[in-house]
Amino acid sequence: MKSKIIIIGAGFSSLSASCYLAKAGYDVIILEKNATVGGRARQLKRDGFTFDLGPSWYWMPDVFERFFNDFDKKPSDFYHLDKLNPAYQVYFGEDDSILIEDTLEKICTAFENEEEGSSIKLRKFIANAEDNYNVAIKDLVYKPGVSPLELVNAKTIKKIGQFFSNIKRDVRKEFKNDRLIKILEFPVLFLGAKPSDTPSFYSFMNYADFGLGTWHPTGGMYSVIEAMETLAKSLGVIVMTDENVKEIKIKDKKATEVVTDKGLFTADIVLSGADYHFSETLLAPQFRQYSEKYWEKKTFAPSSLLFYVGFDKKLKNVSHHTLFFDVDFDAHAHDIYDKAAWPKDPLFYANFPSMTDAAAAPEGKEGGFFLIPIAPGLEDTPELREQYFDIIMNRFQEITQQDISNNIIFKESFCVNDFIKEYNSYKGNAYGMANTLLQTAFLRPNLKSKKVSNLYFTGQLTVPGPGVPPALISGKLVAELIIKHQPNESPI
């Protein structure tokens, strides 16, 4: 008989793992607590508007290509991609912005307009970032994090110094213009830590940005989830929604049953793509690998205050992706990572998919997704949400020079309490565990349990880290471990 694998959660990493495991011949069942698949990448539909609830940036298209190619497919078999131009717009003040366009050549021109000679420095910086990207993708991120020796080869040895410097130091050594510094430091925020705490090697995110570009799948990021679900089901994966897992039962140090609100599922192997900390609370204490003290000491990526807003008119002076860096970048980062307090003057990000994708909003209207990064674990009240909505809307109007106060049809919000309720997220974090030096590769929580022989984990708290492309990779890595260590046959 085939071995039965129960997968908890239906986010990117779980769907990825399910495809690889089904292809290898296992019987795979996914149990998802919410009504739809996707995890943090679910979708909100209201009054003809469509929003991605979570991830909204499609970067590193080669990782998506590689995933689908593993099943003799390609992304275009499932969804259409547009390369955005501009990739994004960065505001520094009223009617004062820089457009980051769709080629390095154009970006060099924009840099040169800001700081004479900066384009030469940028080309050198991105050449190193591209080299780091190739090393990362070919030699590092597709490793399961079981040994430090995975990091050691002829290529990575040459990069060792870049793990002991940081992005902030490297950028500021070459660039003096504060606006350009902010743009170059921005991409590592996807990794969940301050530029000063992110190893220089992670400059490969700058190549993902300027070299590979920013893309938009028609229908939004949820189109990718739908594609993965379609692929998984075609391979024989059974997906069950509204199945809230309450317990993983252990017998003879093996996970044998997964208990939900509705019933009980027997298993030969259990894989959790849910929040790692939460997943371990499903176990009796003696089978947990990591204590509460362990989690408390870890550096977590930010949470977010999100607003999904329907406007009754088309907006002007903004792009599909628009960043508002008109306040002190370092002060906001301090509030997130050091002080753990609500920011006095928050940076924020806005996404207007209806500028690219007509189906995202009714004709003549605009859908806006607004995000304020905040520290995980903060107090979250309706009053605080309203206060910060007013703050960013007032600044948005002033900076983009348009009045939208009477054009809001509706708004919905999502914050710390929702991340906990909807995703069992530790302290309501939005992006998982940050990729700092001491939280990289084998130093992250393990894909395989050390205490339960047939229990595995995947997702943004384990290898390789936060972000959608890493989630796809995490699913592949854990599937390969299972295939290696768990024979595909049931003892029953």
Protein backbone atom coordinates (compact mmCIF):
# COMPACT_ATOMS: atom_id res chain seq x y z
CA MET A 1 0.00 0.00 0.00
CA LYS A 2 1.05 3.59 -0.55
CA SER A 3 2.10 5.65 2.46
CA LYS A 4 -0.48 8.22 3.50
CA ILE A 5 0.75 11.75 4.16
CA ILE A 6 -1.38 14.29 5.99
CA ILE A 7 -0.36 17.89 5.27
CA ILE A 8 -1.57 20.59 7.64
CA GLY A 9 -2.27 23.90 5.89
CA ALA A 10 -2.66 24.84 2.23
CA GLY A 11 -0.28 27.74 1.69
CA PHE A 12 2.45 27.95 -0.94
CA SER A 13 4.86 25.60 0.83
CA SER A 14 2.21 22.95 1.58
CA LEU A 15 0.86 22.98 -1.97
CA SER A 16 4.41 22.76 -3.31
CA ALA A 17 5.26 19.78 -1.09
CA SER A 18 1.99 18.06 -1.94
CA CYS A 19 2.79 18.14 -5.64
CA TYR A 20 6.25 16.63 -5.23
CA LEU A 21 5.00 13.96 -2.83
CA ALA A 22 2.03 13.00 -5.01
CA LYS A 23 4.33 12.77 -8.02
CA ALA A 24 6.52 10.38 -5.98
CA GLY A 25 3.51 8.13 -5.44
CA TYR A 26 2.38 8.96 -1.91
CA ASP A 27 -1.28 9.33 -0.96
CA VAL A 28 -1.54 12.98 0.03
CA ILE A 29 -4.33 14.73 1.92
CA ILE A 30 -4.22 18.45 2.74
CA LEU A 31 -6.20 19.72 5.72
CA GLU A 32 -6.84 23.48 5.62
CA LYS A 33 -8.53 25.31 8.51
CA ASN A 34 -10.00 28.08 6.35
CA ALA A 35 -12.71 27.88 3.69
CA THR A 36 -10.25 28.34 0.82
CA VAL A 37 -6.67 27.31 0.11
CA GLY A 38 -3.77 29.73 -0.02
CA GLY A 39 -2.83 30.41 3.59
CA ARG A 40 -1.69 34.03 3.78
CA ALA A 41 -2.21 34.25 0.02
CA ARG A 42 -5.98 34.08 0.14
CA GLN A 43 -8.28 36.42 -1.74
CA LEU A 44 -10.88 39.02 -0.77
CA LYS A 45 -13.78 39.79 -3.09
CA ARG A 46 -16.27 42.56 -2.38
CA ASP A 47 -18.60 44.68 -4.51
CA GLY A 48 -16.84 43.74 -7.73
CA PHE A 49 -13.34 44.37 -6.30
CA THR A 50 -10.72 41.64 -5.93
CA PHE A 51 -7.75 41.87 -3.57
CA ASP A 52 -4.88 39.58 -2.68
CA LEU A 53 -5.08 39.37 1.11
CA GLY A 54 -1.36 38.81 1.52
CA PRO A 55 1.58 38.55 -0.93
CA SER A 56 1.32 41.00 -3.81
CA TRP A 57 4.86 41.04 -5.32
CA TYR A 58 5.82 38.48 -7.97
CA TRP A 59 9.61 38.40 -7.86
CA MET A 60 12.15 35.73 -8.84
CA PRO A 61 10.12 34.35 -11.77
CA ASP A 62 12.78 31.71 -12.38
CA VAL A 63 11.81 29.97 -9.13
CA PHE A 64 8.20 29.68 -10.29
CA GLU A 65 9.42 28.41 -13.68
CA ARG A 66 11.56 25.78 -11.97
CA PHE A 67 8.66 24.62 -9.81
CA PHE A 68 6.27 24.09 -12.71
CA ASN A 69 9.02 22.64 -14.91
CA ASP A 70 9.49 19.88 -12.32
CA PHE A 71 6.04 18.68 -13.42
CA ASP A 72 6.59 19.25 -17.14
CA LYS A 73 4.51 22.40 -16.94
CA LYS A 74 5.18 26.12 -17.12
CA PRO A 75 3.48 29.09 -15.47
CA SER A 76 1.85 30.12 -18.77
CA ASP A 77 -0.07 26.83 -18.73
CA PHE A 78 -2.01 28.30 -15.82
CA TYR A 79 -1.74 32.09 -15.71
CA HIS A 80 -0.55 35.07 -17.73
CA LEU A 81 2.33 37.27 -16.54
CA ASP A 82 2.95 40.95 -17.29
CA LYS A 83 6.27 42.61 -16.51
CA LEU A 84 5.41 45.86 -14.79
CA ASN A 85 6.75 49.17 -16.06
CA PRO A 86 7.33 50.93 -13.84
CA ALA A 87 8.12 48.08 -11.50
CA TYR A 88 7.30 50.47 -8.68
CA GLN A 89 7.29 54.11 -7.66
CA VAL A 90 8.95 55.53 -4.56
CA TYR A 91 7.68 58.77 -2.99
CA PHE A 92 9.94 60.90 -0.81
CA GLY A 93 7.61 63.87 -0.38
CA GLU A 94 4.85 65.88 -1.99
CA ASP A 95 4.91 65.38 -5.76
CA ASP A 96 8.45 64.01 -5.37
CA SER A 97 9.07 60.46 -6.52
CA ILE A 98 11.42 58.17 -8.42
CA LEU A 99 10.18 55.57 -10.88
CA ILE A 100 11.99 52.23 -10.91
CA GLU A 101 11.42 51.02 -14.44
CA ASP A 102 11.68 47.62 -16.07
CA THR A 103 15.33 47.44 -17.17
CA LEU A 104 18.64 48.02 -15.44
CA GLU A 105 19.54 50.52 -18.15
CA LYS A 106 16.54 52.71 -17.28
CA ILE A 107 17.21 52.34 -13.56
CA CYS A 108 20.82 53.45 -14.07
CA THR A 109 19.51 56.58 -15.79
CA ALA A 110 17.22 57.30 -12.84
CA PHE A 111 20.14 56.85 -10.41
CA GLU A 112 22.41 59.09 -12.48
CA ASN A 113 19.76 61.81 -12.42
CA GLU A 114 19.87 61.68 -8.63
CA GLU A 115 23.61 61.34 -8.03
CA GLU A 116 26.27 61.86 -10.67
CA GLY A 117 28.44 58.77 -11.07
CA SER A 118 25.99 56.54 -9.21
CA SER A 119 25.12 54.50 -12.30
CA ILE A 120 28.69 53.15 -12.47
CA LYS A 121 28.51 52.15 -8.80
CA LEU A 122 25.07 50.64 -9.36
CA ARG A 123 26.25 48.42 -12.21
CA LYS A 124 29.08 47.13 -10.04
CA PHE A 125 26.72 46.58 -7.09
CA ILE A 126 24.17 44.70 -9.21
CA ALA A 127 26.90 42.59 -10.88
CA ASN A 128 27.91 41.37 -7.42
CA ALA A 129 24.24 40.92 -6.49
CA GLU A 130 23.71 38.80 -9.62
CA ASP A 131 26.69 36.64 -8.72
CA ASN A 132 25.26 36.21 -5.23
CA TYR A 133 21.89 35.34 -6.74
CA ASN A 134 23.41 32.61 -8.89
CA VAL A 135 25.28 31.16 -5.91
CA ALA A 136 22.16 31.37 -3.72
CA ILE A 137 19.83 29.72 -6.20
CA LYS A 138 22.28 27.09 -7.48
CA ASP A 139 24.25 26.30 -4.34
CA LEU A 140 22.37 27.36 -1.21
CA VAL A 141 18.61 27.80 -1.08
CA TYR A 142 17.84 24.36 -2.50
CA LYS A 143 19.67 22.75 0.46
CA PRO A 144 17.61 21.29 3.34
CA GLY A 145 19.51 22.95 6.20
CA VAL A 146 20.55 19.70 7.91
CA SER A 147 24.26 20.50 8.10
CA PRO A 148 26.59 23.53 7.97
CA LEU A 149 28.60 21.63 5.37
CA GLU A 150 25.82 22.38 2.87
CA LEU A 151 27.14 25.93 2.78
CA VAL A 152 30.68 24.95 1.91
CA ASN A 153 31.90 24.67 -1.66
CA ALA A 154 34.32 26.51 -3.93
CA LYS A 155 31.77 29.19 -4.79
CA THR A 156 30.41 29.84 -1.32
CA ILE A 157 33.85 29.98 0.31
CA LYS A 158 34.55 33.05 -1.80
CA LYS A 159 31.42 34.67 -0.36
CA ILE A 160 32.12 33.96 3.30
CA GLY A 161 33.07 37.56 4.07
CA GLN A 162 29.67 38.74 2.86
CA PHE A 163 28.00 36.87 5.71
CA PHE A 164 29.88 39.01 8.23
CA SER A 165 29.16 42.38 6.70
CA ASN A 166 25.67 43.79 6.20
CA ILE A 167 23.55 45.42 3.52
CA LYS A 168 23.40 48.80 5.23
CA ARG A 169 27.19 49.07 5.46
CA ASP A 170 27.73 48.00 1.85
CA VAL A 171 25.13 50.31 0.37
CA ARG A 172 26.24 53.36 2.33
CA LYS A 173 29.89 52.76 1.52
CA GLU A 174 29.12 53.31 -2.16
CA PHE A 175 26.10 55.62 -2.22
CA LYS A 176 25.69 58.96 -0.44
CA ASN A 177 22.29 60.04 -1.77
CA ASP A 178 19.73 59.17 0.91
CA ARG A 179 16.99 58.53 -1.63
CA LEU A 180 19.07 55.97 -3.53
CA ILE A 181 20.13 54.35 -0.27
CA LYS A 182 16.50 53.82 0.69
CA ILE A 183 15.72 52.24 -2.67
CA LEU A 184 18.69 49.86 -2.42
CA GLU A 185 17.91 48.91 1.18
CA PHE A 186 14.22 48.32 0.51
CA PRO A 187 14.37 44.82 -1.10
CA VAL A 188 15.88 43.11 1.95
CA LEU A 189 12.80 44.07 3.95
CA PHE A 190 11.23 41.06 2.17
CA LEU A 191 13.66 38.98 4.24
CA GLY A 192 12.21 40.33 7.45
CA ALA A 193 15.10 42.21 9.07
CA LYS A 194 16.74 45.63 9.12
CA PRO A 195 19.42 46.23 6.47
CA SER A 196 21.94 46.53 9.33
CA ASP A 197 21.07 42.97 10.47
CA THR A 198 20.92 41.40 7.00
CA PRO A 199 24.17 39.82 5.72
CA SER A 200 25.69 41.42 2.62
CA PHE A 201 25.23 38.17 0.72
CA TYR A 202 21.50 38.87 0.60
CA SER A 203 22.14 41.66 -1.87
CA PHE A 204 20.90 39.00 -4.29
CA MET A 205 17.49 40.51 -3.54
CA ASN A 206 18.65 43.65 -5.36
CA TYR A 207 19.30 41.53 -8.43
CA ALA A 208 15.83 39.99 -8.05
CA ASP A 209 14.55 43.56 -8.07
CA PHE A 210 16.62 45.38 -10.72
CA GLY A 211 17.79 42.38 -12.74
CA LEU A 212 14.77 40.09 -12.94
CA GLY A 213 12.06 42.68 -12.52
CA THR A 214 8.61 42.87 -10.99
CA TRP A 215 5.77 40.91 -12.55
CA HIS A 216 2.01 40.64 -12.17
CA PRO A 217 0.02 37.45 -12.73
CA THR A 218 -3.40 38.26 -14.21
CA GLY A 219 -5.88 37.76 -11.40
CA GLY A 220 -3.23 38.49 -8.78
CA MET A 221 -1.06 36.20 -6.67
CA TYR A 222 -4.09 34.04 -5.97
CA SER A 223 -3.85 32.89 -9.59
CA VAL A 224 -0.61 31.16 -8.61
CA ILE A 225 -2.35 29.46 -5.69
CA GLU A 226 -5.14 28.31 -8.01
CA ALA A 227 -2.55 26.99 -10.45
CA MET A 228 -0.80 25.02 -7.72
CA GLU A 229 -4.07 23.64 -6.41
CA THR A 230 -5.06 22.56 -9.93
CA LEU A 231 -1.68 20.88 -10.40
CA ALA A 232 -1.86 19.17 -7.01
CA LYS A 233 -5.32 17.77 -7.68
CA SER A 234 -4.26 16.56 -11.12
CA LEU A 235 -1.53 14.57 -9.35
CA GLY A 236 -4.07 13.00 -7.00
CA VAL A 237 -3.82 15.27 -3.95
CA ILE A 238 -7.02 15.49 -1.89
CA VAL A 239 -7.66 19.00 -0.53
CA MET A 240 -10.06 19.36 2.40
CA THR A 241 -11.00 22.86 3.64
CA ASP A 242 -12.70 23.91 6.89
CA GLU A 243 -10.62 21.29 8.72
CA ASN A 244 -9.20 22.96 11.82
CA VAL A 245 -6.45 20.74 13.26
CA LYS A 246 -6.52 20.45 17.06
CA GLU A 247 -3.97 17.72 17.82
CA ILE A 248 -1.28 15.47 16.40
CA LYS A 249 -1.31 12.15 18.27
CA ILE A 250 1.97 10.34 18.86
CA LYS A 251 2.50 6.63 19.48
CA ASP A 252 5.94 5.08 19.88
CA LYS A 253 7.49 8.40 18.83
CA LYS A 254 5.57 8.38 15.58
CA ALA A 255 2.74 10.66 14.47
CA THR A 256 -0.19 8.33 13.86
CA GLU A 257 -3.31 10.52 13.86
CA VAL A 258 -4.29 14.11 13.09
CA VAL A 259 -7.39 15.32 14.93
CA THR A 260 -9.58 18.13 13.57
CA ASP A 261 -12.80 19.75 14.75
CA LYS A 262 -14.66 17.36 12.47
CA GLY A 263 -12.88 14.07 12.98
CA LEU A 264 -9.71 12.03 12.91
CA PHE A 265 -7.26 11.19 10.11
CA THR A 266 -4.75 8.36 10.32
CA ALA A 267 -1.32 8.98 8.85
CA ASP A 268 1.94 7.26 8.04
CA ILE A 269 3.67 10.65 7.76
CA VAL A 270 2.62 14.12 8.95
CA LEU A 271 3.84 17.36 7.40
CA SER A 272 2.84 20.72 8.82
CA GLY A 273 2.90 23.83 6.65
CA ALA A 274 1.11 25.77 9.36
CA ASP A 275 2.96 28.18 11.64
CA TYR A 276 5.86 26.18 13.13
CA HIS A 277 5.32 27.38 16.69
CA PHE A 278 1.61 26.56 16.49
CA SER A 279 2.34 23.19 14.90
CA GLU A 280 4.39 22.17 17.90
CA THR A 281 1.57 23.15 20.27
CA LEU A 282 -0.44 20.40 18.57
CA LEU A 283 1.98 17.92 20.16
CA ALA A 284 2.25 16.77 23.75
CA PRO A 285 5.00 18.85 25.44
CA GLN A 286 7.57 16.04 25.49
CA PHE A 287 7.53 15.87 21.69
CA ARG A 288 8.16 19.58 21.07
CA GLN A 289 11.64 20.51 19.86
CA TYR A 290 11.62 24.19 20.76
CA SER A 291 10.64 25.86 24.02
CA GLU A 292 8.70 29.09 24.43
CA LYS A 293 11.99 30.67 25.51
CA TYR A 294 13.52 29.63 22.16
CA TRP A 295 10.79 31.37 20.18
CA GLU A 296 10.93 34.47 22.39
CA LYS A 297 14.61 34.94 21.57
CA LYS A 298 14.19 34.70 17.79
CA THR A 299 14.03 37.70 15.49
CA PHE A 300 10.69 37.67 13.75
CA ALA A 301 9.81 39.50 10.59
CA PRO A 302 7.21 42.25 10.96
CA SER A 303 3.50 41.97 11.23
CA SER A 304 1.37 44.34 9.16
CA LEU A 305 -1.62 46.58 9.37
CA LEU A 306 -3.41 46.12 6.05
CA PHE A 307 -6.29 47.98 4.48
CA TYR A 308 -8.28 46.91 1.43
CA VAL A 309 -10.05 49.95 0.02
CA GLY A 310 -12.54 50.37 -2.79
CA PHE A 311 -12.50 53.81 -4.50
CA ASP A 312 -15.32 55.09 -6.72
CA LYS A 313 -12.89 56.71 -9.18
CA LYS A 314 -9.54 56.05 -10.86
CA LEU A 315 -6.57 57.41 -8.93
CA LYS A 316 -3.72 59.49 -10.33
CA ASN A 317 -0.01 60.00 -9.59
CA VAL A 318 0.49 56.43 -8.35
CA SER A 319 1.75 53.17 -9.86
CA HIS A 320 0.73 49.53 -9.46
CA HIS A 321 3.26 49.26 -6.59
CA THR A 322 3.92 52.51 -4.73
CA LEU A 323 6.19 53.01 -1.71
CA PHE A 324 5.91 55.99 0.61
CA PHE A 325 9.34 56.74 2.08
CA ASP A 326 8.62 60.34 3.00
CA VAL A 327 9.43 59.76 6.68
CA ASP A 328 12.46 58.49 8.59
CA PHE A 329 13.22 54.95 7.41
CA ASP A 330 15.50 54.18 10.39
CA ALA A 331 13.03 55.50 12.96
CA HIS A 332 10.27 53.22 11.68
CA ALA A 333 12.68 50.25 11.59
CA HIS A 334 13.64 51.03 15.20
CA ASP A 335 9.96 50.94 16.19
CA ILE A 336 9.56 47.54 14.55
CA TYR A 337 12.73 45.70 15.55
CA ASP A 338 14.12 47.41 18.64
CA LYS A 339 11.33 49.21 20.45
CA ALA A 340 8.36 47.03 19.42
CA ALA A 341 5.96 49.98 19.41
CA TRP A 342 3.43 51.48 17.05
CA PRO A 343 5.39 53.86 14.76
CA LYS A 344 4.89 57.57 15.18
CA ASP A 345 5.48 58.26 11.47
CA PRO A 346 4.98 55.03 9.52
CA LEU A 347 6.36 54.16 6.15
CA PHE A 348 3.69 52.50 4.06
CA TYR A 349 3.18 50.66 0.81
CA ALA A 350 0.22 50.83 -1.56
CA ASN A 351 -0.76 48.44 -4.30
CA PHE A 352 -3.28 49.25 -7.03
CA PRO A 353 -3.70 46.06 -9.09
CA SER A 354 -6.62 47.54 -11.02
CA MET A 355 -4.10 49.78 -12.80
CA THR A 356 -2.73 46.66 -14.51
CA ASP A 357 -5.54 44.16 -14.21
CA ALA A 358 -8.97 45.45 -15.28
CA ALA A 359 -10.75 42.59 -13.52
CA ALA A 360 -9.47 43.75 -10.12
CA ALA A 361 -12.06 46.56 -9.88
CA PRO A 362 -15.31 47.63 -11.59
CA GLU A 363 -14.89 49.91 -14.59
CA GLY A 364 -13.96 53.48 -13.63
CA LYS A 365 -13.07 52.46 -10.06
CA GLU A 366 -9.83 51.59 -8.25
CA GLY A 367 -8.90 49.01 -5.67
CA GLY A 368 -6.17 49.91 -3.21
CA PHE A 369 -4.23 47.64 -0.86
CA PHE A 370 -2.32 49.59 1.84
CA LEU A 371 0.28 48.08 4.17
CA ILE A 372 2.05 49.45 7.24
CA PRO A 373 4.81 47.16 8.59
CA ILE A 374 4.64 46.91 12.39
CA ALA A 375 6.22 44.87 15.16
CA PRO A 376 4.61 41.49 15.88
CA GLY A 377 2.76 41.17 19.16
CA LEU A 378 1.51 44.76 19.35
CA GLU A 379 -1.83 45.73 20.84
CA ASP A 380 -4.41 45.65 18.04
CA THR A 381 -7.66 47.56 18.49
CA PRO A 382 -10.27 49.05 16.14
CA GLU A 383 -9.31 52.50 17.42
CA LEU A 384 -5.63 52.03 16.53
CA ARG A 385 -6.54 50.74 13.07
CA GLU A 386 -8.73 53.78 12.43
CA GLN A 387 -6.05 56.14 13.73
CA TYR A 388 -3.43 54.75 11.35
CA PHE A 389 -5.82 54.65 8.42
CA ASP A 390 -6.38 58.38 8.88
CA ILE A 391 -2.62 58.99 9.15
CA ILE A 392 -1.74 57.28 5.89
CA MET A 393 -4.77 58.55 3.98
CA ASN A 394 -3.96 62.14 4.90
CA ARG A 395 -0.38 61.68 3.79
CA PHE A 396 -1.45 59.82 0.66
CA GLN A 397 -3.66 62.73 -0.41
CA GLU A 398 -1.02 65.33 0.32
CA ILE A 399 1.86 63.47 -1.32
CA THR A 400 0.00 62.40 -4.46
CA GLN A 401 -1.93 65.69 -4.66
CA GLN A 402 -5.43 64.28 -4.93
CA ASP A 403 -8.50 64.32 -2.71
CA ILE A 404 -9.96 60.87 -2.09
CA SER A 405 -11.74 61.56 1.21
CA ASN A 406 -15.20 61.34 -0.35
CA ASN A 407 -14.37 58.57 -2.82
CA ILE A 408 -13.98 55.61 -0.48
CA ILE A 409 -16.74 53.07 -1.05
CA PHE A 410 -15.54 50.69 1.66
CA LYS A 411 -12.45 49.62 3.59
CA GLU A 412 -11.56 46.39 5.35
CA SER A 413 -8.59 45.89 7.63
CA PHE A 414 -6.36 43.01 8.71
CA CYS A 415 -3.82 43.15 11.53
CA VAL A 416 -2.12 41.26 14.37
CA ASN A 417 -5.28 39.74 15.82
CA ASP A 418 -6.35 38.51 12.39
CA PHE A 419 -2.97 36.90 11.66
CA ILE A 420 -3.33 35.00 14.92
CA LYS A 421 -6.97 34.05 14.36
CA GLU A 422 -6.75 33.15 10.67
CA TYR A 423 -3.26 31.62 10.50
CA ASN A 424 -2.29 30.76 14.10
CA SER A 425 0.66 33.06 13.47
CA TYR A 426 3.17 33.45 16.29
CA LYS A 427 2.59 36.93 17.79
CA GLY A 428 0.66 37.77 14.64
CA ASN A 429 3.79 37.95 12.47
CA ALA A 430 3.12 38.35 8.75
CA TYR A 431 6.34 37.08 7.16
CA GLY A 432 7.82 34.45 9.44
CA MET A 433 11.31 34.45 10.92
CA ALA A 434 13.84 36.98 9.67
CA ASN A 435 16.91 35.91 7.69
CA THR A 436 19.60 37.26 9.99
CA LEU A 437 23.09 35.71 10.19
CA LEU A 438 22.13 33.49 13.13
CA GLN A 439 18.83 32.50 11.50
CA THR A 440 20.16 31.32 8.15
CA ALA A 441 20.15 27.80 6.64
CA PHE A 442 20.90 25.11 9.27
CA LEU A 443 20.39 27.68 12.06
CA ARG A 444 16.65 27.89 11.33
CA PRO A 445 14.07 25.49 12.83
CA ASN A 446 14.46 22.07 11.24
CA LEU A 447 12.40 20.64 8.39
CA LYS A 448 12.40 17.27 10.20
CA SER A 449 11.41 16.76 13.82
CA LYS A 450 14.17 15.46 16.06
CA LYS A 451 11.68 13.89 18.45
CA VAL A 452 9.00 12.38 16.19
CA SER A 453 10.38 10.12 13.48
CA ASN A 454 7.74 10.79 10.81
CA LEU A 455 6.91 14.46 11.50
CA TYR A 456 8.08 17.24 9.19
CA PHE A 457 7.64 21.00 8.80
CA THR A 458 7.67 23.45 5.90
CA GLY A 459 7.09 27.16 5.38
CA GLN A 460 8.51 30.55 6.26
CA LEU A 461 9.74 29.73 9.78
CA THR A 462 12.00 26.99 8.47
CA VAL A 463 14.37 26.60 5.50
CA PRO A 464 15.06 28.64 3.41
CA GLY A 465 13.08 31.58 4.84
CA PRO A 466 10.33 34.15 4.31
CA GLY A 467 8.76 35.04 0.96
CA VAL A 468 6.77 33.27 -1.74
CA PRO A 469 9.69 31.87 -3.81
CA PRO A 470 11.35 30.47 -0.64
CA ALA A 471 8.02 28.88 0.29
CA LEU A 472 7.94 27.02 -3.04
CA ILE A 473 11.49 25.88 -2.39
CA SER A 474 10.72 24.86 1.20
CA GLY A 475 7.99 22.55 -0.07
CA LYS A 476 10.39 20.88 -2.48
CA LEU A 477 13.11 20.47 0.18
CA VAL A 478 10.84 18.84 2.73
CA ALA A 479 9.35 16.54 0.09
CA GLU A 480 12.86 15.40 -0.84
CA LEU A 481 13.63 14.67 2.83
CA ILE A 482 10.44 12.65 3.21
CA ILE A 483 11.13 10.68 0.04
CA LYS A 484 14.67 9.99 1.29
CA HIS A 485 13.79 8.95 4.84
CA GLN A 486 10.23 7.59 4.69
CA PRO A 487 9.66 4.60 2.38
CA ASN A 488 6.55 4.91 0.23
CA GLU A 489 4.67 2.00 1.70
CA SER A 490 2.25 1.69 4.57
CA PRO A 491 3.02 -0.83 7.32
CA ILE A 492 -0.73 -1.47 7.64
